[in-house]
C-alpha atoms as a PDB file:
ATOM      1  CA  MET A   1     100.758  89.721 107.144  1.00  0.00           C
ATOM      2  CA  LEU A   2      97.066  89.778 107.472  1.00  0.00           C
ATOM      3  CA  ASN A   3      94.858  87.009 106.697  1.00  0.00           C
ATOM      4  CA  VAL A   4      91.105  87.024 107.079  1.00  0.00           C
ATOM      5  CA  THR A   5      89.435  83.389 106.517  1.00  0.00           C
ATOM      6  CA  ASN A   6      85.795  83.026 106.520  1.00  0.00           C
ATOM      7  CA  ILE A   7      84.316  86.030 108.199  1.00  0.00           C
ATOM      8  CA  GLU A   8      80.603  86.075 108.941  1.00  0.00           C
ATOM      9  CA  SER A   9      79.699  89.349 110.935  1.00  0.00           C
ATOM     10  CA  TYR A  10      76.446  90.579 112.079  1.00  0.00           C
ATOM     11  CA  TYR A  11      74.838  93.635 113.790  1.00  0.00           C
ATOM     12  CA  GLY A  12      72.526  92.137 115.908  1.00  0.00           C
ATOM     13  CA  ALA A  13      70.185  89.479 113.973  1.00  0.00           C
ATOM     14  CA  ALA A  14      71.167  91.528 110.635  1.00  0.00           C
ATOM     15  CA  LYS A  15      73.968  89.218 108.897  1.00  0.00           C
ATOM     16  CA  ILE A  16      76.304  91.226 106.819  1.00  0.00           C
ATOM     17  CA  LEU A  17      79.060  89.225 105.837  1.00  0.00           C
ATOM     18  CA  TYR A  18      79.102  85.896 104.333  1.00  0.00           C
ATOM     19  CA  GLY A  19      82.152  83.824 104.437  1.00  0.00           C
ATOM     20  CA  VAL A  20      84.619  86.931 103.574  1.00  0.00           C
ATOM     21  CA  SER A  21      88.362  85.928 102.941  1.00  0.00           C
ATOM     22  CA  LEU A  22      91.253  88.136 101.943  1.00  0.00           C
ATOM     23  CA  HIS A  23      95.088  88.420 102.627  1.00  0.00           C
ATOM     24  CA  ALA A  24      97.615  90.912 102.238  1.00  0.00           C
ATOM     25  CA  ALA A  25     101.194  90.370 102.241  1.00  0.00           C
ATOM     26  CA  ALA A  26     103.941  92.222 104.061  1.00  0.00           C
ATOM     27  CA  GLY A  27     104.438  95.960 102.018  1.00  0.00           C
ATOM     28  CA  GLU A  28     101.445  95.270  99.906  1.00  0.00           C
ATOM     29  CA  VAL A  29      98.542  97.808  98.952  1.00  0.00           C
ATOM     30  CA  VAL A  30      95.286  95.869  98.738  1.00  0.00           C
ATOM     31  CA  ALA A  31      92.121  97.917  97.852  1.00  0.00           C
ATOM     32  CA  LEU A  32      88.539  96.447  99.227  1.00  0.00           C
ATOM     33  CA  LEU A  33      85.966  97.879  96.616  1.00  0.00           C
ATOM     34  CA  GLY A  34      82.472  98.042  96.588  1.00  0.00           C
ATOM     35  CA  ARG A  35      79.331 100.308  96.704  1.00  0.00           C
ATOM     36  CA  ASN A  36      77.949 101.787  99.743  1.00  0.00           C
ATOM     37  CA  GLY A  37      76.422  99.222 102.062  1.00  0.00           C
ATOM     38  CA  ALA A  38      78.321  96.411 100.556  1.00  0.00           C
ATOM     39  CA  GLY A  39      79.970  95.521 103.617  1.00  0.00           C
ATOM     40  CA  LYS A  40      83.739  97.230 103.260  1.00  0.00           C
ATOM     41  CA  SER A  41      83.345  99.315 106.927  1.00  0.00           C
ATOM     42  CA  THR A  42      81.800  96.009 108.405  1.00  0.00           C
ATOM     43  CA  LEU A  43      84.836  94.211 107.634  1.00  0.00           C
ATOM     44  CA  MET A  44      87.556  96.716 108.661  1.00  0.00           C
ATOM     45  CA  LYS A  45      85.658  96.844 112.024  1.00  0.00           C
ATOM     46  CA  SER A  46      85.546  93.315 111.976  1.00  0.00           C
ATOM     47  CA  ILE A  47      89.350  93.102 111.703  1.00  0.00           C
ATOM     48  CA  ILE A  48      90.251  95.665 114.091  1.00  0.00           C
ATOM     49  CA  GLY A  49      87.669  94.178 116.924  1.00  0.00           C
ATOM     50  CA  LEU A  50      85.158  96.831 116.815  1.00  0.00           C
ATOM     51  CA  VAL A  51      82.503  93.821 115.586  1.00  0.00           C
ATOM     52  CA  VAL A  52      83.260  90.900 116.655  1.00  0.00           C
ATOM     53  CA  PRO A  53      82.584  87.897 114.097  1.00  0.00           C
ATOM     54  CA  LYS A  54      80.428  85.190 114.735  1.00  0.00           C
ATOM     55  CA  ALA A  55      82.451  82.978 112.336  1.00  0.00           C
ATOM     56  CA  GLY A  56      85.679  82.880 110.758  1.00  0.00           C
ATOM     57  CA  SER A  57      89.069  84.271 111.875  1.00  0.00           C
ATOM     58  CA  VAL A  58      91.623  86.903 111.620  1.00  0.00           C
ATOM     59  CA  SER A  59      95.213  86.363 111.828  1.00  0.00           C
ATOM     60  CA  LEU A  60      98.145  88.938 111.884  1.00  0.00           C
ATOM     61  CA  ARG A  61     101.511  87.103 110.964  1.00  0.00           C
ATOM     62  CA  ASP A  62      99.976  83.985 111.485  1.00  0.00           C
ATOM     63  CA  GLN A  63      98.978  84.532 114.916  1.00  0.00           C
ATOM     64  CA  ASP A  64      94.885  84.358 115.732  1.00  0.00           C
ATOM     65  CA  ILE A  65      93.662  87.905 116.710  1.00  0.00           C
ATOM     66  CA  THR A  66      89.809  86.986 116.177  1.00  0.00           C
ATOM     67  CA  GLY A  67      87.561  88.520 119.238  1.00  0.00           C
ATOM     68  CA  LEU A  68      90.564  90.535 120.826  1.00  0.00           C
ATOM     69  CA  PRO A  69      89.334  93.618 122.006  1.00  0.00           C
ATOM     70  CA  PRO A  70      90.284  96.709 119.462  1.00  0.00           C
ATOM     71  CA  PHE A  71      93.563  98.470 121.626  1.00  0.00           C
ATOM     72  CA  ALA A  72      95.080  94.708 121.957  1.00  0.00           C
ATOM     73  CA  ILE A  73      94.519  94.123 118.280  1.00  0.00           C
ATOM     74  CA  ALA A  74      96.304  97.522 117.685  1.00  0.00           C
ATOM     75  CA  ARG A  75      98.978  96.825 120.091  1.00  0.00           C
ATOM     76  CA  GLN A  76      99.493  93.610 117.978  1.00  0.00           C
ATOM     77  CA  GLY A  77     100.319  95.822 114.966  1.00  0.00           C
ATOM     78  CA  ILE A  78      97.192  96.761 113.323  1.00  0.00           C
ATOM     79  CA  GLY A  79      96.115 100.478 112.953  1.00  0.00           C
ATOM     80  CA  TYR A  80      92.723 101.818 111.889  1.00  0.00           C
ATOM     81  CA  VAL A  81      91.987 105.095 110.107  1.00  0.00           C
ATOM     82  CA  PRO A  82      87.782 105.320 110.311  1.00  0.00           C
ATOM     83  CA  GLU A  83      85.526 106.950 107.750  1.00  0.00           C
ATOM     84  CA  GLU A  84      84.681 109.590 109.796  1.00  0.00           C
ATOM     85  CA  ARG A  85      88.132 110.674 111.262  1.00  0.00           C
ATOM     86  CA  ARG A  86      87.304 111.271 114.534  1.00  0.00           C
ATOM     87  CA  VAL A  87      90.335 113.410 115.212  1.00  0.00           C
ATOM     88  CA  PHE A  88      90.349 115.172 118.694  1.00  0.00           C
ATOM     89  CA  THR A  89      88.888 118.839 117.846  1.00  0.00           C
ATOM     90  CA  SER A  90      90.129 120.299 121.121  1.00  0.00           C
ATOM     91  CA  LEU A  91      93.777 119.251 120.758  1.00  0.00           C
ATOM     92  CA  THR A  92      96.415 120.790 118.827  1.00  0.00           C
ATOM     93  CA  ILE A  93      97.623 118.575 115.660  1.00  0.00           C
ATOM     94  CA  LEU A  94     101.238 117.819 117.826  1.00  0.00           C
ATOM     95  CA  GLU A  95      99.056 116.526 120.526  1.00  0.00           C
ATOM     96  CA  ASN A  96      96.940 114.488 118.628  1.00  0.00           C
ATOM     97  CA  LEU A  97      99.490 112.847 117.224  1.00  0.00           C
ATOM     98  CA  GLU A  98     100.811 112.395 121.005  1.00  0.00           C
ATOM     99  CA  ALA A  99      97.597 110.630 121.542  1.00  0.00           C
ATOM    100  CA  GLY A 100      98.302 108.193 119.070  1.00  0.00           C
ATOM    101  CA  ARG A 101     101.819 107.396 120.151  1.00  0.00           C
ATOM    102  CA  GLN A 102     102.900 103.824 120.710  1.00  0.00           C
ATOM    103  CA  ASP A 103     106.943 103.876 121.637  1.00  0.00           C
ATOM    104  CA  ARG A 104     107.708 100.306 120.767  1.00  0.00           C
ATOM    105  CA  PRO A 105     107.326  99.476 117.415  1.00  0.00           C
ATOM    106  CA  ALA A 106     105.021  96.810 116.446  1.00  0.00           C
ATOM    107  CA  SER A 107     106.640  96.355 112.948  1.00  0.00           C
ATOM    108  CA  GLY A 108     109.994  96.229 113.147  1.00  0.00           C
ATOM    109  CA  LEU A 109     109.833  99.033 110.685  1.00  0.00           C
ATOM    110  CA  ALA A 110     111.540 102.530 111.235  1.00  0.00           C
ATOM    111  CA  PRO A 111     109.521 104.367 114.045  1.00  0.00           C
ATOM    112  CA  TRP A 112     107.375 107.236 113.020  1.00  0.00           C
ATOM    113  CA  THR A 113     108.102 110.737 114.751  1.00  0.00           C
ATOM    114  CA  PRO A 114     106.004 113.720 114.365  1.00  0.00           C
ATOM    115  CA  GLU A 115     108.877 115.145 112.369  1.00  0.00           C
ATOM    116  CA  ARG A 116     109.021 112.193 109.966  1.00  0.00           C
ATOM    117  CA  LEU A 117     104.843 112.671 109.490  1.00  0.00           C
ATOM    118  CA  PHE A 118     105.246 116.076 109.088  1.00  0.00           C
ATOM    119  CA  ALA A 119     107.548 115.340 105.852  1.00  0.00           C
ATOM    120  CA  LEU A 120     105.111 112.719 104.853  1.00  0.00           C
ATOM    121  CA  PHE A 121     102.183 115.458 105.261  1.00  0.00           C
ATOM    122  CA  PRO A 122     103.757 118.740 104.567  1.00  0.00           C
ATOM    123  CA  ASN A 123     100.288 120.639 105.067  1.00  0.00           C
ATOM    124  CA  LEU A 124     100.469 119.762 108.738  1.00  0.00           C
ATOM    125  CA  ALA A 125     103.928 121.009 109.427  1.00  0.00           C
ATOM    126  CA  GLY A 126     103.343 124.670 109.326  1.00  0.00           C
ATOM    127  CA  MET A 127      99.909 124.311 112.002  1.00  0.00           C
ATOM    128  CA  ARG A 128     101.084 122.020 114.496  1.00  0.00           C
ATOM    129  CA  THR A 129     100.062 124.488 117.459  1.00  0.00           C
ATOM    130  CA  ARG A 130      96.267 124.497 115.401  1.00  0.00           C
ATOM    131  CA  ARG A 131      93.458 122.501 116.951  1.00  0.00           C
ATOM    132  CA  GLY A 132      92.041 119.761 115.131  1.00  0.00           C
ATOM    133  CA  GLY A 133      88.495 121.521 114.668  1.00  0.00           C
ATOM    134  CA  GLN A 134      90.428 124.715 113.133  1.00  0.00           C
ATOM    135  CA  ILE A 135      91.628 122.321 110.146  1.00  0.00           C
ATOM    136  CA  SER A 136      90.021 121.357 106.649  1.00  0.00           C
ATOM    137  CA  GLY A 137      88.454 118.050 106.343  1.00  0.00           C
ATOM    138  CA  GLY A 138      91.194 117.041 103.828  1.00  0.00           C
ATOM    139  CA  GLU A 139      93.909 118.208 106.751  1.00  0.00           C
ATOM    140  CA  GLN A 140      91.717 116.299 109.214  1.00  0.00           C
ATOM    141  CA  GLN A 141      92.391 113.197 106.948  1.00  0.00           C
ATOM    142  CA  MET A 142      95.789 113.695 107.201  1.00  0.00           C
ATOM    143  CA  LEU A 143      95.763 114.033 110.647  1.00  0.00           C
ATOM    144  CA  THR A 144      93.891 110.811 111.404  1.00  0.00           C
ATOM    145  CA  ILE A 145      96.294 108.703 109.353  1.00  0.00           C
ATOM    146  CA  ALA A 146      99.530 110.680 110.757  1.00  0.00           C
ATOM    147  CA  ARG A 147      97.895 109.633 114.398  1.00  0.00           C
ATOM    148  CA  THR A 148      97.412 106.007 113.329  1.00  0.00           C
ATOM    149  CA  LEU A 149     101.103 105.972 112.594  1.00  0.00           C
ATOM    150  CA  MET A 150     102.280 107.209 115.347  1.00  0.00           C
ATOM    151  CA  GLY A 151     101.185 103.911 117.109  1.00  0.00           C
ATOM    152  CA  ASN A 152     104.029 102.161 114.689  1.00  0.00           C
ATOM    153  CA  PRO A 153     101.504  99.612 112.857  1.00  0.00           C
ATOM    154  CA  SER A 154     102.831  97.234 110.642  1.00  0.00           C
ATOM    155  CA  VAL A 155      99.422  97.045 108.923  1.00  0.00           C
ATOM    156  CA  ILE A 156      97.146 100.131 108.381  1.00  0.00           C
ATOM    157  CA  LEU A 157      93.658  99.820 107.358  1.00  0.00           C
ATOM    158  CA  LEU A 158      91.917 103.129 105.861  1.00  0.00           C
ATOM    159  CA  ASP A 159      88.207 103.416 105.699  1.00  0.00           C
ATOM    160  CA  GLU A 160      87.115 105.219 102.446  1.00  0.00           C
ATOM    161  CA  PRO A 161      90.189 107.944 102.399  1.00  0.00           C
ATOM    162  CA  SER A 162      89.629 109.573  99.799  1.00  0.00           C
ATOM    163  CA  GLU A 163      85.917 110.149 100.312  1.00  0.00           C
ATOM    164  CA  GLY A 164      85.124 113.786 100.305  1.00  0.00           C
ATOM    165  CA  LEU A 165      88.472 115.520  99.500  1.00  0.00           C
ATOM    166  CA  ALA A 166      89.302 117.817  97.164  1.00  0.00           C
ATOM    167  CA  PRO A 167      91.129 116.548  93.973  1.00  0.00           C
ATOM    168  CA  LYS A 168      94.385 117.897  95.104  1.00  0.00           C
ATOM    169  CA  ILE A 169      94.020 116.375  98.589  1.00  0.00           C
ATOM    170  CA  VAL A 170      92.971 113.178  97.215  1.00  0.00           C
ATOM    171  CA  GLU A 171      96.358 112.986  95.207  1.00  0.00           C
ATOM    172  CA  GLN A 172      98.698 114.018  98.275  1.00  0.00           C
ATOM    173  CA  VAL A 173      96.920 110.884  99.851  1.00  0.00           C
ATOM    174  CA  ALA A 174      97.686 108.830  97.260  1.00  0.00           C
ATOM    175  CA  ASP A 175     101.184 110.209  97.344  1.00  0.00           C
ATOM    176  CA  ALA A 176     101.315 109.490 101.107  1.00  0.00           C
ATOM    177  CA  ILE A 177     100.109 105.743 100.814  1.00  0.00           C
ATOM    178  CA  ARG A 178     103.016 105.255  98.064  1.00  0.00           C
ATOM    179  CA  GLU A 179     105.434 105.942 100.627  1.00  0.00           C
ATOM    180  CA  LEU A 180     103.868 103.888 103.268  1.00  0.00           C
ATOM    181  CA  LYS A 181     104.249 100.967 100.981  1.00  0.00           C
ATOM    182  CA  ALA A 182     107.923 101.981 100.085  1.00  0.00           C
ATOM    183  CA  ALA A 183     108.451 102.441 103.877  1.00  0.00           C
ATOM    184  CA  GLY A 184     107.221  98.365 104.099  1.00  0.00           C
ATOM    185  CA  LEU A 185     103.905  99.132 105.574  1.00  0.00           C
ATOM    186  CA  THR A 186     100.832  96.718 104.432  1.00  0.00           C
ATOM    187  CA  VAL A 187      97.776  98.853 103.553  1.00  0.00           C
ATOM    188  CA  LEU A 188      94.218  97.600 103.183  1.00  0.00           C
ATOM    189  CA  LEU A 189      91.794 100.382 101.806  1.00  0.00           C
ATOM    190  CA  SER A 190      88.118 100.045 101.468  1.00  0.00           C
ATOM    191  CA  GLU A 191      87.074 102.564  98.764  1.00  0.00           C
ATOM    192  CA  GLN A 192      84.202 103.444  96.249  1.00  0.00           C
ATOM    193  CA  ASN A 193      86.442 105.467  93.979  1.00  0.00           C
ATOM    194  CA  MET A 194      88.013 102.823  91.993  1.00  0.00           C
ATOM    195  CA  HIS A 195      90.190 105.620  89.999  1.00  0.00           C
ATOM    196  CA  PHE A 196      91.816 106.399  93.202  1.00  0.00           C
ATOM    197  CA  ALA A 197      92.308 102.755  94.268  1.00  0.00           C
ATOM    198  CA  ALA A 198      93.719 102.030  90.838  1.00  0.00           C
ATOM    199  CA  LEU A 199      96.729 104.710  91.715  1.00  0.00           C
ATOM    200  CA  ILE A 200      98.258 103.023  94.373  1.00  0.00           C
ATOM    201  CA  SER A 201      96.995  99.473  94.814  1.00  0.00           C
ATOM    202  CA  ASP A 202      98.732  95.913  93.913  1.00  0.00           C
ATOM    203  CA  ARG A 203      95.761  93.963  94.213  1.00  0.00           C
ATOM    204  CA  ALA A 204      91.818  94.312  94.649  1.00  0.00           C
ATOM    205  CA  TYR A 205      88.909  92.513  96.223  1.00  0.00           C
ATOM    206  CA  VAL A 206      85.352  93.698  95.125  1.00  0.00           C
ATOM    207  CA  ILE A 207      82.682  92.947  97.593  1.00  0.00           C
ATOM    208  CA  GLU A 208      78.990  92.880  97.119  1.00  0.00           C
ATOM    209  CA  LYS A 209      76.125  92.265  99.517  1.00  0.00           C
ATOM    210  CA  GLY A 210      78.741  90.815 102.145  1.00  0.00           C
ATOM    211  CA  GLN A 211      80.307  88.492  99.733  1.00  0.00           C
ATOM    212  CA  ILE A 212      83.404  88.587  97.793  1.00  0.00           C
ATOM    213  CA  ARG A 213      82.621  88.793  93.860  1.00  0.00           C
ATOM    214  CA  TYR A 214      86.395  89.142  92.689  1.00  0.00           C
ATOM    215  CA  SER A 215      89.518  89.262  93.441  1.00  0.00           C
ATOM    216  CA  GLY A 216      92.683  89.700  91.226  1.00  0.00           C
ATOM    217  CA  SER A 217      95.359  92.400  90.596  1.00  0.00           C
ATOM    218  CA  MET A 218      94.306  95.628  90.156  1.00  0.00           C
ATOM    219  CA  GLU A 219      95.484  95.541  86.027  1.00  0.00           C
ATOM    220  CA  ASP A 220      92.969  92.475  85.879  1.00  0.00           C
ATOM    221  CA  LEU A 221      90.253  94.461  87.351  1.00  0.00           C
ATOM    222  CA  LYS A 222      90.632  97.612  85.338  1.00  0.00           C
ATOM    223  CA  ALA A 223      90.523  95.364  82.086  1.00  0.00           C
ATOM    224  CA  ASN A 224      87.329  93.569  83.392  1.00  0.00           C
ATOM    225  CA  GLU A 225      84.432  95.767  82.310  1.00  0.00           C
ATOM    226  CA  ASP A 226      82.022  93.008  83.394  1.00  0.00           C
ATOM    227  CA  VAL A 227      82.688  93.431  87.088  1.00  0.00           C
ATOM    228  CA  ARG A 228      83.115  96.628  87.247  1.00  0.00           C
ATOM    229  CA  LYS A 229      79.921  97.113  85.660  1.00  0.00           C
ATOM    230  CA  ALA A 230      77.983  94.489  87.761  1.00  0.00           C
ATOM    231  CA  TYR A 231      79.701  95.842  91.188  1.00  0.00           C
ATOM    232  CA  LEU A 232      81.197  99.185  90.868  1.00  0.00           C
ATOM    233  CA  ALA A 233      78.862 101.285  88.617  1.00  0.00           C
ATOM    234  CA  VAL A 234      76.445 103.214  90.343  1.00  0.00           C
END
């Protein structure tokens, strides 16, 4: 579904990613793990087009999307949930969802509607007329994911979805990601929280200083203490 091949990305003259490659199959949850500053967010932005790679390629369903503007990549079927959430604080929850609507599903999967999303995130159902700036950080995270799903993506990129959330909300987000997998979506999430990622991911990549240091099943990573100590321990 998603293939990243030998990506090299920069911020100005500073090289951040060094030949990064990964892939995610349809309906798979893949974790990109690494410490703060390892290059996780830059890779996410390189996939969605906010950072244009200087080398390498990104393809969706074997179609090259490298260098396309973000709106064009979104229309191809990739949704992006940024670390900063960026809800529209002056709009209601329903209006936030409508802002993300793309009526023609790019995925071929069942289309997302507000009511289907309220079933996925029950916390939001009772506050649909509340403004985005009047809800908690955890509810904003749910809203941002829900707004992205209104674009009917086939692949969703989640940048640090558990960061700063209360344990109860983290569990709810994990449950929602499992439901997305069951619905057939491909999920690529970047995380520092190994425990959270292990709850939901099929495979994992570990990135350090802009290079992939490990790739394999999540079960193998959990058993590999050397890799976890070298690249994930704080």
